[in-house]
Amino acid sequence: MASKTPPVLGPRALGRATLDRQLLLRRDPEHRMTAAAAVDHLVGLQAQNVKPPYYALAARLHGFRPQELSELMESREVARLVTMRSTIHTHTARDCLTLRPFAQAGGPDRELRMFLKRLDGVDLDRLTAIGRELLEERPRPVGELRDALLAHWPEADPLALTTAVRCLLPLVQITPRGLWGRSGQVTLTTAEQWFGRPVEPAPGPDTIVRRYLAAFGPASVKDMQAWSGLTRLRDAFERLRPELLTFRDESGTELFDLPDAPRPDPETPAPPRLLPEFDNLLLSHADRSRLVPHEFRQRTWKGNQARCVFLVDGLLAGVWRLDTSGTAASGTAASGTAASGTSAPGTSAPGTSAPGTTAPGTTATLTVQSFGTLTRAQRTAVAEEGERLLATMTSATAREVRFAEFTD
């Protein structure tokens, strides 16, 4: 008997499903997910820069306050460390202790190989032991760790030594770095020391496949490999095939999904969302056409720096930046108000990193640049989402949303 042909899911259907699982399709006040639950469900948040995890949750959660995530970091319920693709993520304590072993081959080991030629004569086992001893004696800034390692290997490359320790050991960037409204240099200790318990055995790939599909599906094997940095995950999908649903995209690629995962109607409204640089949504599939129009693929980066982006109707539609350097003049827009319209870039400072808190008495200006033409209704909806972001993430007295061009 001939096997049944899997249903075909077009880009719009795939996009709506992924947006729903990424908590970006709706913000339900009656069934609000906590920040801790969201970090767990999303299998971590991209955190190459300090502020993006806060903006990622602000885009996803009704009533989110930056202090909510900051308090989780202070209480050591979440932390910043290197996992997938050897990039820094904000994870729950449990994932810090389990996902790092799972991701080791797909990121840290690969990065370490890039530095081996600069570590000639350095015994990696001894480096691991000394690095652990130094960082568990007390948390150390990167410069202090470097100098301590050079005392053992004075001829070695300093950057290679510190990078190797970061690759060989699961290291947490301790607070106050990463706390909302505070600053701190990168200071490291081991995950075991920070959480007071040992790193756990890596979960089997089948477990992570299920979690990946719950947060990013439907997806192909290559999609998950792009997210994790790992290869040879086909066997895990094949083991799970009896319990998964299968589909095809319009190019014929086989997609897998959890049977009870949401797959909304493709015509489900997708409100505008403003996302920080390096957001999980845009970095977790080999084929990103469900969310990124082909003509816009190269427009969200400047060199190796990602820009903050926004979505309209479920698709990448442009970029944004936030300037909080202005000072509100007496008698201007009242606190809690925002203006929208078309204007020149004004005094918006260059750069793409999502900023932190602002002092009362300042002006916060959100500048939006669309890649295509927005309808009047779409511009209004984007402006309203921008006003929401400004009210949530700044304490500026005057707030303004502008539509203008600012990218090079």
Protein backbone atom coordinates (compact mmCIF):
# COMPACT_ATOMS: atom_id res chain seq x y z
CA MET A 1 0.00 0.00 0.00
CA ALA A 2 1.42 3.37 -1.03
CA SER A 3 2.42 5.68 1.80
CA LYS A 4 0.33 8.77 2.31
CA THR A 5 1.84 11.97 0.92
CA PRO A 6 2.59 14.40 3.78
CA PRO A 7 0.59 17.63 3.75
CA VAL A 8 2.33 20.73 2.39
CA LEU A 9 2.76 23.76 4.65
CA GLY A 10 3.41 27.06 2.92
CA PRO A 11 5.60 29.84 4.34
CA ARG A 12 2.62 31.66 5.86
CA ALA A 13 1.40 28.55 7.70
CA LEU A 14 4.91 27.81 8.93
CA GLY A 15 5.38 31.41 10.01
CA ARG A 16 2.17 31.50 12.02
CA ALA A 17 3.05 28.22 13.75
CA THR A 18 6.52 29.44 14.70
CA LEU A 19 5.25 32.83 15.85
CA ASP A 20 2.72 31.11 18.09
CA ARG A 21 5.37 28.90 19.68
CA GLN A 22 7.70 31.85 20.05
CA LEU A 23 4.98 33.65 22.02
CA LEU A 24 4.82 36.37 19.35
CA LEU A 25 1.35 35.79 17.90
CA ARG A 26 -0.62 36.97 20.92
CA ARG A 27 -0.04 38.29 24.42
CA ASP A 28 -2.80 36.78 26.53
CA PRO A 29 -3.28 38.58 29.88
CA GLU A 30 -5.49 35.76 31.20
CA HIS A 31 -2.90 33.04 30.56
CA ARG A 32 0.29 35.00 31.03
CA MET A 33 3.49 33.00 31.03
CA THR A 34 6.06 34.06 33.61
CA ALA A 35 9.51 35.21 32.52
CA ALA A 36 11.05 32.06 34.02
CA ALA A 37 8.62 29.80 32.17
CA ALA A 38 9.24 31.70 28.92
CA VAL A 39 13.02 31.34 29.19
CA ASP A 40 12.51 27.61 29.74
CA HIS A 41 9.99 27.18 26.92
CA LEU A 42 12.15 29.10 24.43
CA VAL A 43 15.19 26.98 25.38
CA GLY A 44 17.04 30.14 26.34
CA LEU A 45 17.38 33.65 24.93
CA GLN A 46 20.17 34.98 22.74
CA ALA A 47 22.34 37.19 24.95
CA GLN A 48 25.48 38.18 23.05
CA ASN A 49 24.67 41.68 24.28
CA VAL A 50 23.34 42.39 27.76
CA LYS A 51 19.93 43.96 27.06
CA PRO A 52 18.36 41.87 24.24
CA PRO A 53 16.88 39.19 26.56
CA TYR A 54 14.83 41.91 28.24
CA TYR A 55 13.54 43.21 24.92
CA ALA A 56 12.86 39.68 23.71
CA LEU A 57 10.58 39.05 26.69
CA ALA A 58 8.96 42.48 26.41
CA ALA A 59 7.89 41.57 22.88
CA ARG A 60 6.43 38.27 24.04
CA LEU A 61 4.85 38.67 27.48
CA HIS A 62 1.86 40.71 28.59
CA GLY A 63 2.76 43.06 31.43
CA PHE A 64 6.44 42.20 31.40
CA ARG A 65 8.69 44.34 33.60
CA PRO A 66 12.47 44.30 33.10
CA GLN A 67 12.89 43.80 36.83
CA GLU A 68 11.20 40.42 36.50
CA LEU A 69 14.11 38.96 34.54
CA SER A 70 16.67 40.92 36.55
CA GLU A 71 15.34 39.40 39.78
CA LEU A 72 15.63 35.91 38.29
CA MET A 73 19.28 36.63 37.52
CA GLU A 74 19.96 37.96 41.02
CA SER A 75 18.37 34.88 42.60
CA ARG A 76 20.38 32.61 40.27
CA GLU A 77 17.27 31.10 38.72
CA VAL A 78 18.65 32.11 35.31
CA ALA A 79 22.15 33.00 34.16
CA ARG A 80 24.28 33.90 31.15
CA LEU A 81 26.67 31.35 29.67
CA VAL A 82 27.88 29.89 26.37
CA THR A 83 25.76 27.12 24.86
CA MET A 84 24.41 26.70 21.33
CA ARG A 85 26.81 27.62 18.53
CA SER A 86 29.28 28.82 21.21
CA THR A 87 27.20 31.96 21.74
CA ILE A 88 26.04 33.45 25.03
CA HIS A 89 22.47 32.65 26.05
CA THR A 90 20.34 33.41 29.07
CA HIS A 91 19.14 30.04 30.40
CA THR A 92 17.36 28.63 33.40
CA ALA A 93 19.64 27.13 36.02
CA ARG A 94 18.59 23.63 34.94
CA ASP A 95 19.45 24.32 31.31
CA CYS A 96 22.77 25.89 32.28
CA LEU A 97 23.71 22.57 33.87
CA THR A 98 22.35 20.26 31.14
CA LEU A 99 22.25 22.06 27.79
CA ARG A 100 25.91 23.01 27.89
CA PRO A 101 27.00 19.34 27.78
CA PHE A 102 24.47 18.75 24.97
CA ALA A 103 25.74 21.74 22.96
CA GLN A 104 29.45 21.13 23.65
CA ALA A 105 30.28 19.49 20.33
CA GLY A 106 28.23 21.96 18.30
CA GLY A 107 29.86 25.13 19.58
CA PRO A 108 32.53 25.18 22.28
CA ASP A 109 34.48 22.23 20.87
CA ARG A 110 34.34 23.73 17.38
CA GLU A 111 35.52 27.12 18.63
CA LEU A 112 38.32 25.48 20.61
CA ARG A 113 39.68 23.80 17.47
CA MET A 114 40.12 27.24 15.92
CA PHE A 115 42.60 28.14 18.67
CA LEU A 116 44.56 24.91 19.02
CA LYS A 117 47.44 26.06 16.79
CA ARG A 118 47.91 29.00 19.17
CA LEU A 119 48.06 26.64 22.19
CA ASP A 120 51.10 24.65 21.16
CA GLY A 121 52.63 23.06 24.25
CA VAL A 122 49.57 23.66 26.43
CA ASP A 123 48.14 20.49 27.96
CA LEU A 124 44.37 20.95 27.77
CA ASP A 125 43.63 18.68 30.73
CA ARG A 126 45.97 20.71 32.91
CA LEU A 127 44.52 23.95 31.53
CA THR A 128 41.02 22.72 32.42
CA ALA A 129 42.07 21.80 35.97
CA ILE A 130 43.90 25.08 36.61
CA GLY A 131 41.10 27.13 35.07
CA ARG A 132 38.56 25.41 37.29
CA GLU A 133 40.70 25.90 40.39
CA LEU A 134 41.16 29.61 39.66
CA LEU A 135 37.51 30.30 38.92
CA GLU A 136 36.11 28.28 41.80
CA GLU A 137 38.53 29.91 44.25
CA ARG A 138 36.68 33.15 43.43
CA PRO A 139 34.95 34.68 40.41
CA ARG A 140 37.50 36.46 38.26
CA PRO A 141 37.32 39.13 35.56
CA VAL A 142 38.63 37.96 32.20
CA GLY A 143 41.80 40.03 32.52
CA GLU A 144 42.63 38.58 35.91
CA LEU A 145 42.01 35.06 34.61
CA ARG A 146 44.28 35.75 31.64
CA ASP A 147 47.12 36.96 33.83
CA ALA A 148 46.80 33.98 36.17
CA LEU A 149 46.94 31.56 33.23
CA LEU A 150 49.94 33.32 31.72
CA ALA A 151 51.82 32.66 34.95
CA HIS A 152 51.61 28.96 34.02
CA TRP A 153 52.11 29.36 30.25
CA PRO A 154 54.01 32.63 29.72
CA GLU A 155 54.70 31.92 26.05
CA ALA A 156 51.10 31.06 25.15
CA ASP A 157 48.69 33.30 23.30
CA PRO A 158 46.65 35.15 26.01
CA LEU A 159 43.38 35.22 24.03
CA ALA A 160 43.71 31.54 23.15
CA LEU A 161 44.21 30.62 26.81
CA THR A 162 41.10 32.40 28.08
CA THR A 163 38.99 31.28 25.12
CA ALA A 164 40.07 27.69 25.66
CA VAL A 165 39.02 27.79 29.32
CA ARG A 166 35.64 29.18 28.30
CA CYS A 167 35.27 26.35 25.79
CA LEU A 168 36.45 23.62 28.14
CA LEU A 169 34.40 24.64 31.18
CA PRO A 170 30.75 25.78 31.56
CA LEU A 171 31.33 29.33 32.79
CA VAL A 172 28.68 31.74 34.03
CA GLN A 173 28.95 35.50 33.60
CA ILE A 174 28.00 36.46 37.13
CA THR A 175 25.92 39.42 38.23
CA PRO A 176 25.81 42.39 38.35
CA ARG A 177 26.54 41.97 34.64
CA GLY A 178 23.22 41.41 32.92
CA LEU A 179 21.08 43.05 35.59
CA TRP A 180 18.63 45.69 34.42
CA GLY A 181 19.90 49.23 34.91
CA ARG A 182 23.28 48.11 36.27
CA SER A 183 26.65 47.47 34.71
CA GLY A 184 29.54 45.17 35.38
CA GLN A 185 32.54 43.74 33.59
CA VAL A 186 32.54 40.13 32.46
CA THR A 187 33.39 38.12 35.58
CA LEU A 188 33.42 34.33 35.41
CA THR A 189 32.94 31.32 37.62
CA THR A 190 31.90 27.76 36.89
CA ALA A 191 28.24 26.85 36.59
CA GLU A 192 28.72 24.26 39.33
CA GLN A 193 30.07 26.90 41.72
CA TRP A 194 27.39 29.46 40.85
CA PHE A 195 24.44 27.11 41.26
CA GLY A 196 25.90 24.98 44.03
CA ARG A 197 25.39 21.66 42.28
CA PRO A 198 27.21 19.63 39.62
CA VAL A 199 26.70 19.75 35.90
CA GLU A 200 24.26 17.02 34.98
CA PRO A 201 24.64 14.47 32.18
CA ALA A 202 23.61 15.82 28.80
CA PRO A 203 20.00 15.00 27.94
CA GLY A 204 19.51 12.65 25.04
CA PRO A 205 19.01 14.32 21.66
CA ASP A 206 15.45 12.98 21.51
CA THR A 207 14.52 15.19 24.48
CA ILE A 208 16.02 18.29 22.90
CA VAL A 209 14.35 17.54 19.55
CA ARG A 210 10.98 17.65 21.31
CA ARG A 211 11.84 20.92 23.06
CA TYR A 212 13.14 22.44 19.83
CA LEU A 213 9.96 21.56 17.95
CA ALA A 214 7.82 22.94 20.79
CA ALA A 215 9.59 26.30 20.48
CA PHE A 216 10.47 26.50 16.77
CA GLY A 217 8.54 23.86 14.82
CA PRO A 218 7.49 22.61 12.39
CA ALA A 219 11.10 22.14 11.34
CA SER A 220 13.51 20.05 9.33
CA VAL A 221 16.56 18.20 10.56
CA LYS A 222 18.72 20.93 9.04
CA ASP A 223 16.72 23.58 10.89
CA MET A 224 17.52 22.04 14.26
CA GLN A 225 21.14 21.58 13.27
CA ALA A 226 21.32 25.29 12.39
CA TRP A 227 19.90 26.17 15.82
CA SER A 228 22.07 23.82 17.85
CA GLY A 229 25.29 23.89 15.82
CA LEU A 230 25.28 20.08 15.96
CA THR A 231 25.35 17.68 13.04
CA ARG A 232 24.08 14.14 12.54
CA LEU A 233 20.74 14.66 14.23
CA ARG A 234 18.86 12.65 11.61
CA ASP A 235 18.96 9.50 13.78
CA ALA A 236 17.13 11.26 16.62
CA PHE A 237 14.35 12.39 14.29
CA GLU A 238 14.06 8.88 12.86
CA ARG A 239 13.72 7.38 16.33
CA LEU A 240 10.96 9.86 17.06
CA ARG A 241 9.21 9.48 13.70
CA PRO A 242 6.46 7.18 15.07
CA GLU A 243 5.39 9.85 17.56
CA LEU A 244 5.79 12.90 15.29
CA LEU A 245 3.75 14.33 12.43
CA THR A 246 5.46 14.95 9.10
CA PHE A 247 4.85 17.65 6.52
CA ARG A 248 6.59 19.08 3.46
CA ASP A 249 7.37 22.69 2.69
CA GLU A 250 6.80 24.07 -0.78
CA SER A 251 10.31 23.05 -1.87
CA GLY A 252 9.72 19.45 -0.79
CA THR A 253 11.81 19.48 2.40
CA GLU A 254 10.48 17.10 5.05
CA LEU A 255 9.34 18.81 8.24
CA PHE A 256 8.64 17.24 11.62
CA ASP A 257 6.29 18.41 14.34
CA LEU A 258 4.72 17.47 17.65
CA PRO A 259 1.16 16.18 17.22
CA ASP A 260 -0.37 18.54 19.78
CA ALA A 261 1.67 21.64 18.91
CA PRO A 262 -0.28 24.69 17.67
CA ARG A 263 -0.53 25.19 13.92
CA PRO A 264 -2.81 28.22 13.55
CA ASP A 265 -4.77 29.08 10.45
CA PRO A 266 -2.41 30.88 8.04
CA GLU A 267 -4.81 33.86 8.02
CA THR A 268 -4.53 34.34 11.80
CA PRO A 269 -3.66 38.02 12.41
CA ALA A 270 -0.03 38.58 13.39
CA PRO A 271 0.38 41.95 15.14
CA PRO A 272 3.60 43.95 14.75
CA ARG A 273 6.44 42.97 17.05
CA LEU A 274 9.71 44.80 17.77
CA LEU A 275 12.58 42.39 18.38
CA PRO A 276 16.14 42.97 19.61
CA GLU A 277 19.29 42.09 17.74
CA PHE A 278 20.12 38.37 17.54
CA ASP A 279 16.57 37.35 18.49
CA ASN A 280 16.00 33.59 18.61
CA LEU A 281 13.22 33.88 16.04
CA LEU A 282 15.57 34.77 13.18
CA LEU A 283 18.53 32.52 14.04
CA SER A 284 16.98 29.11 14.57
CA HIS A 285 16.19 27.72 11.12
CA ALA A 286 18.32 26.83 8.11
CA ASP A 287 15.46 28.05 5.90
CA ARG A 288 14.10 31.32 7.26
CA SER A 289 11.69 32.06 4.42
CA ARG A 290 8.71 31.53 6.74
CA LEU A 291 9.66 34.83 8.42
CA VAL A 292 12.18 36.65 6.21
CA PRO A 293 11.29 37.73 2.65
CA HIS A 294 14.06 36.83 0.21
CA GLU A 295 14.69 40.46 -0.75
CA PHE A 296 15.30 41.48 2.87
CA ARG A 297 17.70 38.70 3.91
CA GLN A 298 20.83 40.87 3.85
CA ARG A 299 19.35 44.03 5.30
CA THR A 300 19.36 43.24 9.01
CA TRP A 301 23.13 43.20 9.47
CA LYS A 302 25.84 45.84 9.48
CA GLY A 303 29.16 44.01 9.30
CA ASN A 304 28.90 41.29 11.91
CA GLN A 305 26.41 43.23 14.03
CA ALA A 306 22.72 42.40 13.81
CA ARG A 307 20.17 45.18 13.88
CA CYS A 308 16.98 45.36 15.90
CA VAL A 309 14.09 44.35 13.63
CA PHE A 310 10.33 44.52 13.49
CA LEU A 311 7.66 42.26 12.04
CA VAL A 312 4.50 43.21 10.18
CA ASP A 313 1.93 40.55 9.30
CA GLY A 314 4.32 37.92 10.57
CA LEU A 315 7.23 38.87 8.31
CA LEU A 316 10.43 40.86 8.72
CA ALA A 317 9.50 44.36 7.62
CA GLY A 318 12.27 46.70 8.76
CA VAL A 319 14.65 47.78 11.50
CA TRP A 320 14.46 50.07 14.50
CA ARG A 321 16.69 51.82 16.99
CA LEU A 322 16.14 53.62 20.25
CA ASP A 323 17.79 56.86 21.29
CA THR A 324 17.54 57.97 24.90
CA SER A 325 20.15 60.73 24.81
CA GLY A 326 17.72 63.62 24.40
CA THR A 327 16.56 65.83 27.26
CA ALA A 328 12.88 66.60 27.43
CA ALA A 329 12.16 70.32 27.30
CA SER A 330 9.74 71.81 29.79
CA GLY A 331 6.19 71.86 28.49
CA THR A 332 6.71 69.24 25.75
CA ALA A 333 4.89 65.92 25.43
CA ALA A 334 3.45 64.74 28.70
CA SER A 335 4.76 61.63 30.40
CA GLY A 336 3.22 58.53 28.90
CA THR A 337 2.50 60.09 25.51
CA ALA A 338 4.09 59.38 22.17
CA ALA A 339 3.98 60.93 18.75
CA SER A 340 4.24 59.16 15.44
CA GLY A 341 4.85 60.45 11.97
CA THR A 342 7.48 60.90 9.30
CA SER A 343 10.58 62.90 10.10
CA ALA A 344 14.30 63.01 9.65
CA PRO A 345 16.44 60.80 11.84
CA GLY A 346 16.95 63.71 14.21
CA THR A 347 19.44 63.13 16.99
CA SER A 348 19.12 59.35 17.16
CA ALA A 349 22.50 57.95 18.06
CA PRO A 350 24.07 55.37 15.77
CA GLY A 351 24.24 51.76 16.82
CA THR A 352 21.93 48.82 17.16
CA SER A 353 22.19 47.54 20.71
CA ALA A 354 18.99 47.66 22.68
CA PRO A 355 19.56 50.19 25.48
CA GLY A 356 18.93 50.00 29.18
CA THR A 357 17.00 52.22 31.52
CA THR A 358 16.60 55.95 31.11
CA ALA A 359 16.50 58.71 33.68
CA PRO A 360 13.28 60.67 34.17
CA GLY A 361 13.40 63.98 32.32
CA THR A 362 14.85 62.52 29.14
CA THR A 363 13.29 61.98 25.74
CA ALA A 364 13.15 58.48 24.27
CA THR A 365 12.88 58.36 20.50
CA LEU A 366 12.14 55.12 18.67
CA THR A 367 13.07 55.42 15.00
CA VAL A 368 11.54 52.87 12.65
CA GLN A 369 12.76 52.22 9.10
CA SER A 370 10.55 50.01 6.96
CA PHE A 371 12.03 48.10 4.03
CA GLY A 372 8.82 48.40 1.99
CA THR A 373 5.66 50.46 1.94
CA LEU A 374 3.41 50.11 4.95
CA THR A 375 -0.31 50.78 4.79
CA ARG A 376 -1.77 53.47 7.02
CA ALA A 377 -3.20 50.78 9.31
CA GLN A 378 0.16 49.00 9.49
CA ARG A 379 1.99 52.24 10.33
CA THR A 380 -0.51 52.94 13.10
CA ALA A 381 -0.11 49.43 14.50
CA VAL A 382 3.70 49.66 14.41
CA ALA A 383 3.58 53.04 16.15
CA GLU A 384 1.30 51.64 18.86
CA GLU A 385 3.68 48.72 19.42
CA GLY A 386 6.56 51.18 19.58
CA GLU A 387 4.72 53.25 22.17
CA ARG A 388 4.17 50.11 24.22
CA LEU A 389 7.89 49.29 24.08
CA LEU A 390 8.87 52.80 25.15
CA ALA A 391 6.46 52.74 28.07
CA THR A 392 7.71 49.31 29.19
CA MET A 393 11.43 49.71 28.70
CA THR A 394 12.14 53.37 29.46
CA SER A 395 11.22 55.87 32.14
CA ALA A 396 11.59 58.85 29.83
CA THR A 397 9.30 61.80 30.41
CA ALA A 398 8.66 62.28 26.68
CA ARG A 399 8.39 59.43 24.21
CA GLU A 400 8.22 59.58 20.43
CA VAL A 401 7.94 57.08 17.58
CA ARG A 402 9.30 58.21 14.22
CA PHE A 403 9.34 56.67 10.76
CA ALA A 404 12.57 57.57 9.01
CA GLU A 405 15.61 56.17 7.21
CA PHE A 406 18.78 55.72 9.24
CA THR A 407 20.63 52.65 7.92
CA ASP A 408 23.67 52.93 5.69
